[in-house]
Amino acid sequence: MTEDTLAALLERRADDDRPGLLFEDLSWTWREVVGRCRSHARRLAGARHVGVLCDNLPDLVFLIGAAALGGPVVVALNPTRSAAELRRDAAATDVDLLLWEAPYEHLARALPLPSLRLTELTETAGLPETAGLPEQAGFAGKAGFAETAGFPQTAGVTAAALGRPRPRSW
C-alpha cells in the first residue's frame, strides 16, 4: 500500500485511541473511525457505485474511508439538484445503490434505484454483512470516490489512471 494514500493513513491509525473525528458534540477515536470505515466497506462490498444524498456528516467521512479501504466508489450527489438532474447524474456515474439522509428522502424516492437510509447502514453494523441491504448480487466492489461535478478520484489514484471516463458535467 502506497504511504501517501487515504487507505494507508487509515491503516496507520487503526490502533490509535486519540481523537480522530470531531463533529458538534460527538467524537470518535481514530480506532473507531477506521472501524466504521472498515464496517461500511464490508457492508457495501456488493455495490460498485454508491450514490450519497446527505450533508457533510460523519457518515460521509466513514463512506469515503470505506471507499479507500476497498469498498465501492462513493458518488456524492448534490441534493440541491432536481430529481431529473439527479437521475442523469446517477446514470452518468453508474450508481447502483443510493444512500440518503432524512431531509432528502423525497429525492431518493424519485430515483429508480435500490436505496437505504444512511442511518440504516450504521444501525445494522455488527449484523451479517448482507443484513438490511438491498440485493446487490453480481457486483464486485472497487475502491474510489467520485463527485458529480466532474472531478473523480480514488485514494492516491486519478480516474484517468484507472482507465475510467470522467463523469459528464450537466
N, C-alpha and C. Protein backbone atom coordinates (compact mmCIF):
# COMPACT_ATOMS: atom_id res chain seq x y z
N MET A 1 0.85 -1.18 0.00
CA MET A 1 0.00 0.00 0.00
C MET A 1 0.89 1.24 0.00
N THR A 2 0.67 2.15 -0.92
CA THR A 2 1.44 3.38 -1.01
C THR A 2 1.22 4.20 0.25
N GLU A 3 2.27 4.81 0.76
CA GLU A 3 2.20 5.53 2.03
C GLU A 3 1.40 6.82 1.98
N ASP A 4 1.19 7.40 0.81
CA ASP A 4 0.51 8.70 0.73
C ASP A 4 -0.95 8.59 0.33
N THR A 5 -1.58 7.48 0.62
CA THR A 5 -2.99 7.32 0.29
C THR A 5 -3.84 7.42 1.55
N LEU A 6 -5.12 7.67 1.36
CA LEU A 6 -6.04 7.68 2.48
C LEU A 6 -6.09 6.31 3.14
N ALA A 7 -6.07 5.26 2.36
CA ALA A 7 -6.08 3.90 2.91
C ALA A 7 -4.87 3.69 3.84
N ALA A 8 -3.71 4.13 3.42
CA ALA A 8 -2.51 3.98 4.25
C ALA A 8 -2.63 4.79 5.53
N LEU A 9 -3.14 6.01 5.42
CA LEU A 9 -3.34 6.84 6.62
C LEU A 9 -4.27 6.13 7.60
N LEU A 10 -5.39 5.63 7.09
CA LEU A 10 -6.35 4.95 7.96
C LEU A 10 -5.73 3.71 8.60
N GLU A 11 -5.02 2.91 7.83
CA GLU A 11 -4.41 1.70 8.37
C GLU A 11 -3.38 2.03 9.45
N ARG A 12 -2.62 3.12 9.27
CA ARG A 12 -1.65 3.52 10.29
C ARG A 12 -2.34 3.95 11.59
N ARG A 13 -3.56 4.43 11.50
CA ARG A 13 -4.29 4.92 12.67
C ARG A 13 -5.23 3.89 13.29
N ALA A 14 -5.25 2.68 12.79
CA ALA A 14 -6.23 1.66 13.22
C ALA A 14 -6.17 1.35 14.71
N ASP A 15 -5.02 1.51 15.35
CA ASP A 15 -4.89 1.21 16.78
C ASP A 15 -4.69 2.46 17.62
N ASP A 16 -4.97 3.61 17.05
CA ASP A 16 -4.76 4.90 17.71
C ASP A 16 -6.02 5.32 18.47
N ASP A 17 -5.89 5.51 19.78
CA ASP A 17 -7.03 5.89 20.60
C ASP A 17 -7.14 7.39 20.82
N ARG A 18 -6.37 8.16 20.08
CA ARG A 18 -6.51 9.62 20.16
C ARG A 18 -7.69 10.06 19.30
N PRO A 19 -8.21 11.27 19.54
CA PRO A 19 -9.35 11.76 18.74
C PRO A 19 -9.00 11.78 17.26
N GLY A 20 -9.93 11.26 16.45
CA GLY A 20 -9.73 11.21 15.01
C GLY A 20 -10.76 12.01 14.25
N LEU A 21 -11.96 12.18 14.83
CA LEU A 21 -13.03 12.92 14.16
C LEU A 21 -13.89 13.60 15.22
N LEU A 22 -14.07 14.89 15.05
CA LEU A 22 -14.93 15.68 15.94
C LEU A 22 -16.04 16.28 15.11
N PHE A 23 -17.26 16.18 15.62
CA PHE A 23 -18.42 16.74 14.93
C PHE A 23 -19.41 17.19 15.99
N GLU A 24 -19.67 18.49 16.01
CA GLU A 24 -20.54 19.08 17.02
C GLU A 24 -20.12 18.58 18.39
N ASP A 25 -20.98 17.93 19.14
CA ASP A 25 -20.59 17.45 20.48
C ASP A 25 -20.20 15.98 20.49
N LEU A 26 -19.94 15.41 19.32
CA LEU A 26 -19.57 14.00 19.19
C LEU A 26 -18.09 13.87 18.85
N SER A 27 -17.51 12.75 19.22
CA SER A 27 -16.12 12.49 18.82
C SER A 27 -15.91 10.99 18.66
N TRP A 28 -14.97 10.65 17.79
CA TRP A 28 -14.57 9.27 17.53
C TRP A 28 -13.05 9.22 17.59
N THR A 29 -12.53 8.16 18.19
CA THR A 29 -11.08 7.97 18.14
C THR A 29 -10.72 7.50 16.74
N TRP A 30 -9.42 7.54 16.43
CA TRP A 30 -9.00 7.03 15.14
C TRP A 30 -9.37 5.56 15.01
N ARG A 31 -9.23 4.80 16.11
CA ARG A 31 -9.58 3.38 16.09
C ARG A 31 -11.05 3.22 15.69
N GLU A 32 -11.93 4.06 16.24
CA GLU A 32 -13.36 4.00 15.92
C GLU A 32 -13.64 4.43 14.48
N VAL A 33 -12.95 5.47 14.03
CA VAL A 33 -13.11 5.93 12.64
C VAL A 33 -12.75 4.81 11.68
N VAL A 34 -11.58 4.21 11.89
CA VAL A 34 -11.13 3.14 11.00
C VAL A 34 -12.09 1.95 11.08
N GLY A 35 -12.57 1.64 12.28
CA GLY A 35 -13.53 0.54 12.43
C GLY A 35 -14.81 0.79 11.66
N ARG A 36 -15.33 2.02 11.73
CA ARG A 36 -16.54 2.35 10.97
C ARG A 36 -16.28 2.28 9.48
N CYS A 37 -15.13 2.79 9.04
CA CYS A 37 -14.79 2.74 7.60
C CYS A 37 -14.72 1.29 7.13
N ARG A 38 -14.07 0.44 7.90
CA ARG A 38 -13.97 -0.98 7.54
C ARG A 38 -15.34 -1.64 7.50
N SER A 39 -16.17 -1.33 8.49
CA SER A 39 -17.51 -1.90 8.54
C SER A 39 -18.33 -1.49 7.33
N HIS A 40 -18.29 -0.21 7.00
CA HIS A 40 -19.02 0.28 5.82
C HIS A 40 -18.50 -0.38 4.55
N ALA A 41 -17.18 -0.54 4.44
CA ALA A 41 -16.60 -1.18 3.24
C ALA A 41 -17.10 -2.61 3.11
N ARG A 42 -17.13 -3.35 4.21
CA ARG A 42 -17.63 -4.74 4.16
C ARG A 42 -19.10 -4.78 3.80
N ARG A 43 -19.89 -3.92 4.40
CA ARG A 43 -21.34 -3.94 4.21
C ARG A 43 -21.72 -3.50 2.80
N LEU A 44 -20.89 -2.69 2.17
CA LEU A 44 -21.22 -2.18 0.83
C LEU A 44 -20.43 -2.88 -0.27
N ALA A 45 -19.76 -3.96 0.05
CA ALA A 45 -18.88 -4.63 -0.92
C ALA A 45 -19.62 -5.10 -2.16
N GLY A 46 -20.92 -5.33 -2.10
CA GLY A 46 -21.64 -5.80 -3.27
C GLY A 46 -21.99 -4.72 -4.26
N ALA A 47 -21.87 -3.47 -3.87
CA ALA A 47 -22.19 -2.36 -4.77
C ALA A 47 -20.91 -1.87 -5.45
N ARG A 48 -21.07 -1.39 -6.67
CA ARG A 48 -19.92 -0.82 -7.38
C ARG A 48 -19.83 0.67 -7.18
N HIS A 49 -20.96 1.37 -7.29
CA HIS A 49 -21.02 2.83 -7.16
C HIS A 49 -22.19 3.18 -6.25
N VAL A 50 -21.89 3.77 -5.12
CA VAL A 50 -22.91 4.14 -4.13
C VAL A 50 -23.12 5.64 -4.19
N GLY A 51 -24.34 6.04 -4.58
CA GLY A 51 -24.69 7.44 -4.58
C GLY A 51 -25.09 7.85 -3.17
N VAL A 52 -24.71 9.06 -2.78
CA VAL A 52 -24.99 9.53 -1.42
C VAL A 52 -25.67 10.89 -1.50
N LEU A 53 -26.84 10.97 -0.89
CA LEU A 53 -27.57 12.24 -0.74
C LEU A 53 -27.56 12.59 0.74
N CYS A 54 -26.58 13.39 1.14
CA CYS A 54 -26.50 13.78 2.55
C CYS A 54 -25.69 15.05 2.69
N ASP A 55 -25.82 15.64 3.87
CA ASP A 55 -25.00 16.80 4.20
C ASP A 55 -23.62 16.29 4.63
N ASN A 56 -22.74 17.22 4.96
CA ASN A 56 -21.40 16.85 5.41
C ASN A 56 -21.47 16.36 6.85
N LEU A 57 -21.73 15.07 6.99
CA LEU A 57 -21.88 14.41 8.29
C LEU A 57 -20.77 13.39 8.49
N PRO A 58 -20.56 12.93 9.71
CA PRO A 58 -19.53 11.92 9.94
C PRO A 58 -19.69 10.68 9.06
N ASP A 59 -20.92 10.26 8.80
CA ASP A 59 -21.09 9.07 7.95
C ASP A 59 -20.51 9.26 6.56
N LEU A 60 -20.47 10.47 6.05
CA LEU A 60 -19.84 10.71 4.76
C LEU A 60 -18.34 10.45 4.86
N VAL A 61 -17.73 10.85 5.95
CA VAL A 61 -16.30 10.57 6.19
C VAL A 61 -16.08 9.05 6.22
N PHE A 62 -16.96 8.33 6.93
CA PHE A 62 -16.83 6.88 7.02
C PHE A 62 -17.00 6.22 5.64
N LEU A 63 -17.89 6.76 4.83
CA LEU A 63 -18.09 6.21 3.48
C LEU A 63 -16.88 6.45 2.59
N ILE A 64 -16.31 7.63 2.67
CA ILE A 64 -15.11 7.93 1.87
C ILE A 64 -13.96 7.04 2.33
N GLY A 65 -13.84 6.85 3.64
CA GLY A 65 -12.83 5.92 4.16
C GLY A 65 -13.08 4.50 3.69
N ALA A 66 -14.35 4.10 3.66
CA ALA A 66 -14.71 2.77 3.17
C ALA A 66 -14.27 2.59 1.73
N ALA A 67 -14.47 3.60 0.92
CA ALA A 67 -14.05 3.53 -0.48
C ALA A 67 -12.53 3.36 -0.57
N ALA A 68 -11.81 4.09 0.25
CA ALA A 68 -10.35 4.00 0.24
C ALA A 68 -9.87 2.61 0.66
N LEU A 69 -10.62 1.97 1.56
CA LEU A 69 -10.22 0.66 2.07
C LEU A 69 -10.72 -0.50 1.22
N GLY A 70 -11.26 -0.22 0.06
CA GLY A 70 -11.64 -1.29 -0.84
C GLY A 70 -13.12 -1.45 -1.05
N GLY A 71 -13.89 -0.52 -0.56
CA GLY A 71 -15.33 -0.56 -0.78
C GLY A 71 -15.69 0.01 -2.14
N PRO A 72 -16.95 0.35 -2.33
CA PRO A 72 -17.40 0.86 -3.62
C PRO A 72 -16.98 2.31 -3.85
N VAL A 73 -17.09 2.74 -5.08
CA VAL A 73 -16.91 4.15 -5.40
C VAL A 73 -18.05 4.92 -4.74
N VAL A 74 -17.74 6.02 -4.07
CA VAL A 74 -18.74 6.86 -3.43
C VAL A 74 -19.01 8.05 -4.35
N VAL A 75 -20.25 8.22 -4.74
CA VAL A 75 -20.66 9.30 -5.63
C VAL A 75 -21.46 10.30 -4.80
N ALA A 76 -20.87 11.45 -4.53
CA ALA A 76 -21.56 12.48 -3.75
C ALA A 76 -22.53 13.21 -4.67
N LEU A 77 -23.80 12.90 -4.52
CA LEU A 77 -24.84 13.55 -5.34
C LEU A 77 -25.24 14.86 -4.68
N ASN A 78 -25.49 15.86 -5.48
CA ASN A 78 -25.81 17.19 -5.00
C ASN A 78 -27.31 17.32 -4.72
N PRO A 79 -27.72 17.40 -3.45
CA PRO A 79 -29.15 17.43 -3.14
C PRO A 79 -29.85 18.73 -3.52
N THR A 80 -29.11 19.71 -4.03
CA THR A 80 -29.78 20.93 -4.49
C THR A 80 -30.27 20.79 -5.93
N ARG A 81 -29.92 19.69 -6.58
CA ARG A 81 -30.35 19.46 -7.95
C ARG A 81 -31.74 18.85 -7.97
N SER A 82 -32.41 18.98 -9.08
CA SER A 82 -33.76 18.41 -9.23
C SER A 82 -33.68 16.89 -9.35
N ALA A 83 -34.82 16.24 -9.20
CA ALA A 83 -34.87 14.78 -9.34
C ALA A 83 -34.41 14.36 -10.74
N ALA A 84 -34.82 15.09 -11.76
CA ALA A 84 -34.42 14.76 -13.12
C ALA A 84 -32.90 14.89 -13.29
N GLU A 85 -32.32 15.94 -12.74
CA GLU A 85 -30.87 16.12 -12.82
C GLU A 85 -30.14 15.01 -12.05
N LEU A 86 -30.68 14.65 -10.89
CA LEU A 86 -30.07 13.58 -10.10
C LEU A 86 -30.15 12.24 -10.82
N ARG A 87 -31.25 11.99 -11.53
CA ARG A 87 -31.35 10.76 -12.32
C ARG A 87 -30.24 10.71 -13.36
N ARG A 88 -30.01 11.83 -14.03
CA ARG A 88 -28.93 11.89 -15.03
C ARG A 88 -27.57 11.70 -14.37
N ASP A 89 -27.36 12.39 -13.24
CA ASP A 89 -26.08 12.27 -12.53
C ASP A 89 -25.83 10.82 -12.11
N ALA A 90 -26.85 10.18 -11.54
CA ALA A 90 -26.71 8.80 -11.07
C ALA A 90 -26.44 7.86 -12.24
N ALA A 91 -27.12 8.08 -13.35
CA ALA A 91 -26.90 7.24 -14.54
C ALA A 91 -25.50 7.46 -15.10
N ALA A 92 -25.04 8.70 -15.14
CA ALA A 92 -23.73 9.02 -15.71
C ALA A 92 -22.59 8.45 -14.87
N THR A 93 -22.84 8.24 -13.59
CA THR A 93 -21.80 7.72 -12.69
C THR A 93 -22.06 6.27 -12.29
N ASP A 94 -22.99 5.61 -12.97
CA ASP A 94 -23.27 4.18 -12.76
C ASP A 94 -23.64 3.83 -11.32
N VAL A 95 -24.38 4.70 -10.65
CA VAL A 95 -24.81 4.42 -9.28
C VAL A 95 -25.73 3.21 -9.29
N ASP A 96 -25.43 2.23 -8.42
CA ASP A 96 -26.28 1.05 -8.32
C ASP A 96 -26.90 0.89 -6.94
N LEU A 97 -26.58 1.77 -6.01
CA LEU A 97 -27.19 1.80 -4.69
C LEU A 97 -27.18 3.23 -4.20
N LEU A 98 -28.27 3.67 -3.61
CA LEU A 98 -28.38 5.04 -3.13
C LEU A 98 -28.52 5.04 -1.62
N LEU A 99 -27.68 5.84 -0.94
CA LEU A 99 -27.80 6.07 0.49
C LEU A 99 -28.24 7.51 0.68
N TRP A 100 -29.15 7.73 1.62
CA TRP A 100 -29.68 9.08 1.80
C TRP A 100 -29.98 9.33 3.27
N GLU A 101 -30.01 10.63 3.62
CA GLU A 101 -30.44 11.01 4.97
C GLU A 101 -31.83 11.65 4.86
N ALA A 102 -32.52 11.71 5.99
CA ALA A 102 -33.94 12.07 6.04
C ALA A 102 -34.34 13.31 5.24
N PRO A 103 -33.62 14.41 5.29
CA PRO A 103 -34.10 15.59 4.54
C PRO A 103 -34.21 15.37 3.03
N TYR A 104 -33.55 14.34 2.52
CA TYR A 104 -33.51 14.10 1.08
C TYR A 104 -34.28 12.85 0.66
N GLU A 105 -35.14 12.37 1.53
CA GLU A 105 -35.91 11.17 1.22
C GLU A 105 -36.76 11.36 -0.04
N HIS A 106 -37.36 12.54 -0.21
CA HIS A 106 -38.19 12.78 -1.38
C HIS A 106 -37.38 12.66 -2.68
N LEU A 107 -36.13 13.08 -2.66
CA LEU A 107 -35.28 12.93 -3.84
C LEU A 107 -34.89 11.46 -4.04
N ALA A 108 -34.56 10.78 -2.95
CA ALA A 108 -34.19 9.36 -3.04
C ALA A 108 -35.34 8.55 -3.62
N ARG A 109 -36.56 8.84 -3.18
CA ARG A 109 -37.73 8.09 -3.65
C ARG A 109 -38.03 8.36 -5.13
N ALA A 110 -37.53 9.48 -5.64
CA ALA A 110 -37.77 9.84 -7.05
C ALA A 110 -36.78 9.17 -7.99
N LEU A 111 -35.74 8.53 -7.44
CA LEU A 111 -34.73 7.89 -8.27
C LEU A 111 -35.02 6.39 -8.38
N PRO A 112 -34.90 5.83 -9.57
CA PRO A 112 -35.20 4.41 -9.78
C PRO A 112 -34.04 3.50 -9.38
N LEU A 113 -33.65 3.59 -8.11
CA LEU A 113 -32.51 2.82 -7.61
C LEU A 113 -32.85 2.14 -6.30
N PRO A 114 -32.21 1.00 -6.02
CA PRO A 114 -32.33 0.45 -4.67
C PRO A 114 -31.75 1.49 -3.72
N SER A 115 -32.40 1.71 -2.59
CA SER A 115 -31.89 2.74 -1.69
C SER A 115 -32.03 2.31 -0.24
N LEU A 116 -31.27 2.99 0.59
CA LEU A 116 -31.22 2.70 2.01
C LEU A 116 -30.95 4.01 2.74
N ARG A 117 -31.71 4.25 3.80
CA ARG A 117 -31.44 5.44 4.60
C ARG A 117 -30.07 5.25 5.26
N LEU A 118 -29.27 6.27 5.25
CA LEU A 118 -27.89 6.19 5.75
C LEU A 118 -27.84 5.68 7.18
N THR A 119 -28.77 6.07 8.01
CA THR A 119 -28.77 5.59 9.39
C THR A 119 -29.00 4.09 9.47
N GLU A 120 -29.70 3.51 8.49
CA GLU A 120 -29.91 2.06 8.48
C GLU A 120 -28.59 1.33 8.27
N LEU A 121 -27.70 1.90 7.48
CA LEU A 121 -26.39 1.30 7.27
C LEU A 121 -25.63 1.29 8.59
N THR A 122 -25.68 2.38 9.32
CA THR A 122 -24.98 2.49 10.59
C THR A 122 -25.62 1.60 11.65
N GLU A 123 -26.95 1.58 11.69
CA GLU A 123 -27.66 0.79 12.70
C GLU A 123 -27.49 -0.69 12.51
N THR A 124 -27.22 -1.14 11.29
CA THR A 124 -27.07 -2.57 11.03
C THR A 124 -25.63 -3.03 11.18
N ALA A 125 -24.73 -2.14 11.58
CA ALA A 125 -23.34 -2.54 11.80
C ALA A 125 -23.32 -3.65 12.85
N GLY A 126 -22.52 -4.66 12.59
CA GLY A 126 -22.44 -5.79 13.50
C GLY A 126 -23.34 -6.94 13.10
N LEU A 127 -24.31 -6.71 12.23
CA LEU A 127 -25.15 -7.79 11.73
C LEU A 127 -24.41 -8.49 10.59
N PRO A 128 -24.89 -9.64 10.14
CA PRO A 128 -24.25 -10.25 8.97
C PRO A 128 -24.17 -9.24 7.83
N GLU A 129 -23.13 -9.32 7.04
CA GLU A 129 -22.84 -8.28 6.06
C GLU A 129 -23.93 -8.07 5.03
N THR A 130 -24.83 -9.02 4.84
CA THR A 130 -25.90 -8.82 3.86
C THR A 130 -27.19 -8.36 4.50
N ALA A 131 -27.25 -8.31 5.82
CA ALA A 131 -28.50 -7.95 6.51
C ALA A 131 -28.85 -6.50 6.27
N GLY A 132 -30.07 -6.24 5.87
CA GLY A 132 -30.56 -4.88 5.75
C GLY A 132 -30.22 -4.17 4.46
N LEU A 133 -29.40 -4.75 3.62
CA LEU A 133 -29.01 -4.08 2.38
C LEU A 133 -29.85 -4.59 1.22
N PRO A 134 -30.19 -3.71 0.28
CA PRO A 134 -30.89 -4.18 -0.91
C PRO A 134 -30.03 -5.20 -1.65
N GLU A 135 -30.66 -6.09 -2.36
CA GLU A 135 -29.94 -7.13 -3.09
C GLU A 135 -29.01 -6.50 -4.12
N GLN A 136 -27.74 -6.86 -4.06
CA GLN A 136 -26.74 -6.32 -4.99
C GLN A 136 -25.90 -7.45 -5.58
N ALA A 137 -26.47 -8.63 -5.72
CA ALA A 137 -25.73 -9.79 -6.20
C ALA A 137 -25.09 -9.53 -7.55
N GLY A 138 -23.92 -10.07 -7.73
CA GLY A 138 -23.25 -9.99 -9.02
C GLY A 138 -22.31 -8.81 -9.16
N PHE A 139 -22.21 -7.95 -8.16
CA PHE A 139 -21.32 -6.81 -8.25
C PHE A 139 -20.10 -7.03 -7.39
N ALA A 140 -18.97 -6.59 -7.87
CA ALA A 140 -17.74 -6.65 -7.08
C ALA A 140 -17.35 -5.23 -6.71
N GLY A 141 -17.06 -4.98 -5.46
CA GLY A 141 -16.70 -3.63 -5.01
C GLY A 141 -15.37 -3.19 -5.57
N LYS A 142 -15.21 -1.89 -5.77
CA LYS A 142 -13.97 -1.31 -6.25
C LYS A 142 -13.79 0.01 -5.53
N ALA A 143 -12.65 0.24 -4.95
CA ALA A 143 -12.42 1.43 -4.15
C ALA A 143 -12.49 2.69 -4.99
N GLY A 144 -12.97 3.76 -4.39
CA GLY A 144 -12.92 5.04 -5.07
C GLY A 144 -13.87 6.06 -4.50
N PHE A 145 -13.75 7.28 -5.01
CA PHE A 145 -14.63 8.36 -4.64
C PHE A 145 -14.85 9.18 -5.89
N ALA A 146 -16.08 9.53 -6.19
CA ALA A 146 -16.35 10.33 -7.38
C ALA A 146 -17.33 11.43 -7.01
N GLU A 147 -17.14 12.58 -7.57
CA GLU A 147 -18.09 13.67 -7.40
C GLU A 147 -18.76 13.90 -8.74
N THR A 148 -20.03 14.27 -8.71
CA THR A 148 -20.73 14.50 -9.96
C THR A 148 -20.32 15.81 -10.61
N ALA A 149 -19.50 16.60 -9.93
CA ALA A 149 -19.02 17.84 -10.52
C ALA A 149 -17.95 17.58 -11.58
N GLY A 150 -17.54 16.33 -11.76
CA GLY A 150 -16.59 16.02 -12.82
C GLY A 150 -15.16 15.89 -12.36
N PHE A 151 -14.91 15.70 -11.06
CA PHE A 151 -13.57 15.56 -10.55
C PHE A 151 -13.42 14.24 -9.79
N PRO A 152 -13.50 13.12 -10.51
CA PRO A 152 -13.42 11.83 -9.83
C PRO A 152 -12.00 11.56 -9.35
N GLN A 153 -11.89 10.84 -8.26
CA GLN A 153 -10.58 10.44 -7.77
C GLN A 153 -10.74 9.23 -6.87
N THR A 154 -9.66 8.53 -6.66
CA THR A 154 -9.62 7.47 -5.67
C THR A 154 -8.38 7.72 -4.85
N ALA A 155 -8.30 7.12 -3.70
CA ALA A 155 -7.19 7.41 -2.80
C ALA A 155 -5.85 7.20 -3.49
N GLY A 156 -5.19 8.29 -3.85
CA GLY A 156 -3.87 8.24 -4.45
C GLY A 156 -3.84 7.94 -5.92
N VAL A 157 -4.97 7.74 -6.57
CA VAL A 157 -5.01 7.39 -7.99
C VAL A 157 -6.08 8.22 -8.68
N THR A 158 -5.75 8.81 -9.81
CA THR A 158 -6.75 9.57 -10.55
C THR A 158 -7.64 8.64 -11.35
N ALA A 159 -8.79 9.12 -11.74
CA ALA A 159 -9.70 8.31 -12.55
C ALA A 159 -9.07 7.95 -13.89
N ALA A 160 -8.28 8.86 -14.43
CA ALA A 160 -7.63 8.58 -15.71
C ALA A 160 -6.68 7.39 -15.57
N ALA A 161 -6.00 7.31 -14.44
CA ALA A 161 -5.08 6.18 -14.22
C ALA A 161 -5.84 4.87 -14.10
N LEU A 162 -7.08 4.92 -13.68
CA LEU A 162 -7.89 3.71 -13.58
C LEU A 162 -8.50 3.34 -14.92
N GLY A 163 -8.37 4.22 -15.91
CA GLY A 163 -8.93 3.95 -17.21
C GLY A 163 -10.43 4.16 -17.26
N ARG A 164 -10.96 4.92 -16.32
CA ARG A 164 -12.39 5.19 -16.28
C ARG A 164 -12.66 6.56 -16.88
N PRO A 165 -13.71 6.71 -17.64
CA PRO A 165 -14.04 8.03 -18.18
C PRO A 165 -14.51 8.94 -17.05
N ARG A 166 -14.28 10.23 -17.22
CA ARG A 166 -14.77 11.21 -16.25
C ARG A 166 -16.27 11.33 -16.37
N PRO A 167 -16.98 11.46 -15.25
CA PRO A 167 -18.42 11.68 -15.33
C PRO A 167 -18.71 12.95 -16.10
N ARG A 168 -19.80 12.94 -16.83
CA ARG A 168 -20.18 14.12 -17.59
C ARG A 168 -20.72 15.20 -16.66
N SER A 169 -20.38 16.44 -16.94
CA SER A 169 -20.97 17.56 -16.22
C SER A 169 -22.20 18.01 -16.98
N TRP A 170 -23.25 18.22 -16.26
CA TRP A 170 -24.50 18.62 -16.90
C TRP A 170 -24.62 20.08 -16.75
